[in-house]
Amino acid sequence: MHLLDSLRPALLLSLSILFLLMLWRRFKHKAMMAERPVAAHAELLALHVEYHPERLRAEVAMPEDGELRPALLDGEHRPLFAWPRMNGKAGTQVLELPLTDHADGTYYFELATATQRTVRRFILNRS
């Protein structure tokens, strides 16, 4: 009984401190976001390899209309293949890009716009 009596205040105090810390971090994050304007860039939300037929499925969020330049890079970030340039519309969209004639292994997907370049790693494994 004596252990439970001393444990309860310690738990209440630590939970209160954690709650206050969480509130402070949320306030700080919101205050920093309001102070600094964020540049409007395309965001690569998800990247999946789909099989039958083999294709790369990329979900992209665009803040405004713009040109997208998708490319396939090898393990050392050297260009292997470039898909045709696309006109991206404002909002969320899905790009389905064919993956043919590439061996199993680790590759990088590059999504470039006029102002940025995003690179994500993926693994192609047919077996």
C-alpha atoms as a PDB file:
ATOM      1  CA  MET A   1       0.000   0.000   0.000  1.00  0.00           C
ATOM      2  CA  HIS A   2       2.833   2.359   0.817  1.00  0.00           C
ATOM      3  CA  LEU A   3       4.322   1.979  -2.698  1.00  0.00           C
ATOM      4  CA  LEU A   4       1.008   2.819  -4.402  1.00  0.00           C
ATOM      5  CA  ASP A   5       0.566   5.924  -2.239  1.00  0.00           C
ATOM      6  CA  SER A   6       3.921   7.326  -3.358  1.00  0.00           C
ATOM      7  CA  LEU A   7       3.551   6.191  -7.002  1.00  0.00           C
ATOM      8  CA  ARG A   8       0.233   7.942  -7.628  1.00  0.00           C
ATOM      9  CA  PRO A   9       1.494  11.537  -7.077  1.00  0.00           C
ATOM     10  CA  ALA A  10       4.601  10.823  -9.148  1.00  0.00           C
ATOM     11  CA  LEU A  11       2.490   9.578 -12.050  1.00  0.00           C
ATOM     12  CA  LEU A  12       0.108  12.541 -11.817  1.00  0.00           C
ATOM     13  CA  LEU A  13       3.011  14.977 -11.775  1.00  0.00           C
ATOM     14  CA  SER A  14       4.784  13.346 -14.732  1.00  0.00           C
ATOM     15  CA  LEU A  15       1.568  13.196 -16.777  1.00  0.00           C
ATOM     16  CA  SER A  16       0.892  16.861 -16.051  1.00  0.00           C
ATOM     17  CA  ILE A  17       4.401  17.803 -17.146  1.00  0.00           C
ATOM     18  CA  LEU A  18       4.074  15.753 -20.348  1.00  0.00           C
ATOM     19  CA  PHE A  19       0.726  17.369 -21.111  1.00  0.00           C
ATOM     20  CA  LEU A  20       2.155  20.873 -20.619  1.00  0.00           C
ATOM     21  CA  LEU A  21       5.156  19.975 -22.790  1.00  0.00           C
ATOM     22  CA  MET A  22       2.846  18.738 -25.536  1.00  0.00           C
ATOM     23  CA  LEU A  23       0.796  21.963 -25.379  1.00  0.00           C
ATOM     24  CA  TRP A  24       3.958  24.069 -25.519  1.00  0.00           C
ATOM     25  CA  ARG A  25       5.294  22.204 -28.585  1.00  0.00           C
ATOM     26  CA  ARG A  26       1.956  22.561 -30.385  1.00  0.00           C
ATOM     27  CA  PHE A  27       1.826  26.289 -29.607  1.00  0.00           C
ATOM     28  CA  LYS A  28       5.429  26.754 -30.736  1.00  0.00           C
ATOM     29  CA  HIS A  29       4.807  24.852 -33.983  1.00  0.00           C
ATOM     30  CA  LYS A  30       1.689  26.873 -34.817  1.00  0.00           C
ATOM     31  CA  ALA A  31       3.407  30.155 -33.953  1.00  0.00           C
ATOM     32  CA  MET A  32       6.396  29.297 -36.172  1.00  0.00           C
ATOM     33  CA  MET A  33       4.145  28.282 -39.063  1.00  0.00           C
ATOM     34  CA  ALA A  34       2.272  31.594 -38.796  1.00  0.00           C
ATOM     35  CA  GLU A  35       5.518  33.597 -38.720  1.00  0.00           C
ATOM     36  CA  ARG A  36       7.267  31.982 -41.686  1.00  0.00           C
ATOM     37  CA  PRO A  37       5.715  31.765 -45.105  1.00  0.00           C
ATOM     38  CA  VAL A  38       6.251  28.377 -46.680  1.00  0.00           C
ATOM     39  CA  ALA A  39       7.238  28.178 -50.314  1.00  0.00           C
ATOM     40  CA  ALA A  40       4.616  26.444 -52.403  1.00  0.00           C
ATOM     41  CA  HIS A  41       6.232  23.239 -53.702  1.00  0.00           C
ATOM     42  CA  ALA A  42       4.918  20.007 -55.103  1.00  0.00           C
ATOM     43  CA  GLU A  43       4.834  17.263 -52.475  1.00  0.00           C
ATOM     44  CA  LEU A  44       5.364  13.571 -53.191  1.00  0.00           C
ATOM     45  CA  LEU A  45       2.808  12.028 -50.816  1.00  0.00           C
ATOM     46  CA  ALA A  46       3.248   8.332 -51.630  1.00  0.00           C
ATOM     47  CA  LEU A  47       5.288   6.100 -53.911  1.00  0.00           C
ATOM     48  CA  HIS A  48       4.368   2.460 -54.585  1.00  0.00           C
ATOM     49  CA  VAL A  49       5.589  -0.205 -56.980  1.00  0.00           C
ATOM     50  CA  GLU A  50       2.674  -2.088 -58.505  1.00  0.00           C
ATOM     51  CA  TYR A  51       2.986  -5.293 -60.467  1.00  0.00           C
ATOM     52  CA  HIS A  52       0.865  -6.807 -63.284  1.00  0.00           C
ATOM     53  CA  PRO A  53       1.585  -4.633 -65.210  1.00  0.00           C
ATOM     54  CA  GLU A  54       4.710  -3.239 -63.616  1.00  0.00           C
ATOM     55  CA  ARG A  55       4.323   0.434 -62.879  1.00  0.00           C
ATOM     56  CA  LEU A  56       5.297   3.079 -60.395  1.00  0.00           C
ATOM     57  CA  ARG A  57       2.370   4.810 -58.691  1.00  0.00           C
ATOM     58  CA  ALA A  58       3.186   8.265 -57.329  1.00  0.00           C
ATOM     59  CA  GLU A  59       0.693  10.425 -55.461  1.00  0.00           C
ATOM     60  CA  VAL A  60       1.547  14.105 -55.824  1.00  0.00           C
ATOM     61  CA  ALA A  61       0.059  17.236 -54.225  1.00  0.00           C
ATOM     62  CA  MET A  62       0.511  20.374 -56.320  1.00  0.00           C
ATOM     63  CA  PRO A  63      -0.089  23.859 -54.845  1.00  0.00           C
ATOM     64  CA  GLU A  64      -0.593  25.323 -58.326  1.00  0.00           C
ATOM     65  CA  ASP A  65      -0.495  24.213 -61.951  1.00  0.00           C
ATOM     66  CA  GLY A  66       3.002  23.416 -63.203  1.00  0.00           C
ATOM     67  CA  GLU A  67       5.223  21.073 -65.158  1.00  0.00           C
ATOM     68  CA  LEU A  68       6.351  17.747 -63.657  1.00  0.00           C
ATOM     69  CA  ARG A  69       9.487  15.950 -64.857  1.00  0.00           C
ATOM     70  CA  PRO A  70       9.572  12.363 -63.517  1.00  0.00           C
ATOM     71  CA  ALA A  71      12.748  10.312 -63.941  1.00  0.00           C
ATOM     72  CA  LEU A  72      14.246   6.985 -62.867  1.00  0.00           C
ATOM     73  CA  LEU A  73      17.710   6.982 -61.259  1.00  0.00           C
ATOM     74  CA  ASP A  74      20.050   4.095 -60.443  1.00  0.00           C
ATOM     75  CA  GLY A  75      21.576   3.328 -57.041  1.00  0.00           C
ATOM     76  CA  GLU A  76      24.206   6.068 -57.483  1.00  0.00           C
ATOM     77  CA  HIS A  77      21.592   8.656 -58.534  1.00  0.00           C
ATOM     78  CA  ARG A  78      22.579   8.525 -62.216  1.00  0.00           C
ATOM     79  CA  PRO A  79      19.694   9.040 -64.672  1.00  0.00           C
ATOM     80  CA  LEU A  80      18.465   5.811 -66.284  1.00  0.00           C
ATOM     81  CA  PHE A  81      15.183   6.819 -67.824  1.00  0.00           C
ATOM     82  CA  ALA A  82      12.968   9.891 -68.073  1.00  0.00           C
ATOM     83  CA  TRP A  83       9.224   9.720 -68.586  1.00  0.00           C
ATOM     84  CA  PRO A  84       7.626  12.442 -70.733  1.00  0.00           C
ATOM     85  CA  ARG A  85       7.057  15.780 -69.034  1.00  0.00           C
ATOM     86  CA  MET A  86       3.564  16.245 -67.639  1.00  0.00           C
ATOM     87  CA  ASN A  87       1.398  19.224 -66.840  1.00  0.00           C
ATOM     88  CA  GLY A  88       0.367  18.917 -63.204  1.00  0.00           C
ATOM     89  CA  LYS A  89      -2.886  20.477 -62.040  1.00  0.00           C
ATOM     90  CA  ALA A  90      -3.369  22.118 -58.656  1.00  0.00           C
ATOM     91  CA  GLY A  91      -4.475  19.590 -56.035  1.00  0.00           C
ATOM     92  CA  THR A  92      -3.747  15.914 -55.458  1.00  0.00           C
ATOM     93  CA  GLN A  93      -3.188  13.627 -58.414  1.00  0.00           C
ATOM     94  CA  VAL A  94      -1.876  10.135 -59.103  1.00  0.00           C
ATOM     95  CA  LEU A  95       0.829   9.408 -61.667  1.00  0.00           C
ATOM     96  CA  GLU A  96       1.084   5.858 -62.986  1.00  0.00           C
ATOM     97  CA  LEU A  97       4.394   5.418 -64.759  1.00  0.00           C
ATOM     98  CA  PRO A  98       5.334   2.168 -66.570  1.00  0.00           C
ATOM     99  CA  LEU A  99       8.397   0.226 -65.373  1.00  0.00           C
ATOM    100  CA  THR A 100       9.531  -1.958 -68.240  1.00  0.00           C
ATOM    101  CA  ASP A 101      12.925  -3.436 -69.091  1.00  0.00           C
ATOM    102  CA  HIS A 102      14.463  -2.807 -65.675  1.00  0.00           C
ATOM    103  CA  ALA A 103      16.159  -5.500 -63.591  1.00  0.00           C
ATOM    104  CA  ASP A 104      15.258  -6.159 -59.960  1.00  0.00           C
ATOM    105  CA  GLY A 105      17.080  -3.910 -57.529  1.00  0.00           C
ATOM    106  CA  THR A 106      17.115  -0.583 -55.755  1.00  0.00           C
ATOM    107  CA  TYR A 107      16.230   2.511 -57.742  1.00  0.00           C
ATOM    108  CA  TYR A 108      15.384   6.131 -57.062  1.00  0.00           C
ATOM    109  CA  PHE A 109      12.378   8.053 -58.342  1.00  0.00           C
ATOM    110  CA  GLU A 110      12.982  11.717 -59.087  1.00  0.00           C
ATOM    111  CA  LEU A 111      10.170  14.235 -59.386  1.00  0.00           C
ATOM    112  CA  ALA A 112      11.375  17.633 -60.556  1.00  0.00           C
ATOM    113  CA  THR A 113       9.520  20.902 -61.074  1.00  0.00           C
ATOM    114  CA  ALA A 114      10.745  24.343 -62.040  1.00  0.00           C
ATOM    115  CA  THR A 115      11.809  25.109 -58.457  1.00  0.00           C
ATOM    116  CA  GLN A 116      12.552  21.805 -56.759  1.00  0.00           C
ATOM    117  CA  ARG A 117      13.719  18.207 -57.036  1.00  0.00           C
ATOM    118  CA  THR A 118      12.388  15.364 -54.854  1.00  0.00           C
ATOM    119  CA  VAL A 119      14.057  11.932 -54.784  1.00  0.00           C
ATOM    120  CA  ARG A 120      12.661   8.760 -53.166  1.00  0.00           C
ATOM    121  CA  ARG A 121      14.121   5.259 -53.020  1.00  0.00           C
ATOM    122  CA  PHE A 122      12.138   2.178 -54.010  1.00  0.00           C
ATOM    123  CA  ILE A 123      12.865  -1.513 -54.562  1.00  0.00           C
ATOM    124  CA  LEU A 124      11.801  -3.410 -57.670  1.00  0.00           C
ATOM    125  CA  ASN A 125      11.398  -7.100 -56.791  1.00  0.00           C
ATOM    126  CA  ARG A 126       9.443  -9.281 -59.191  1.00  0.00           C
ATOM    127  CA  SER A 127      10.045 -12.591 -57.418  1.00  0.00           C
END
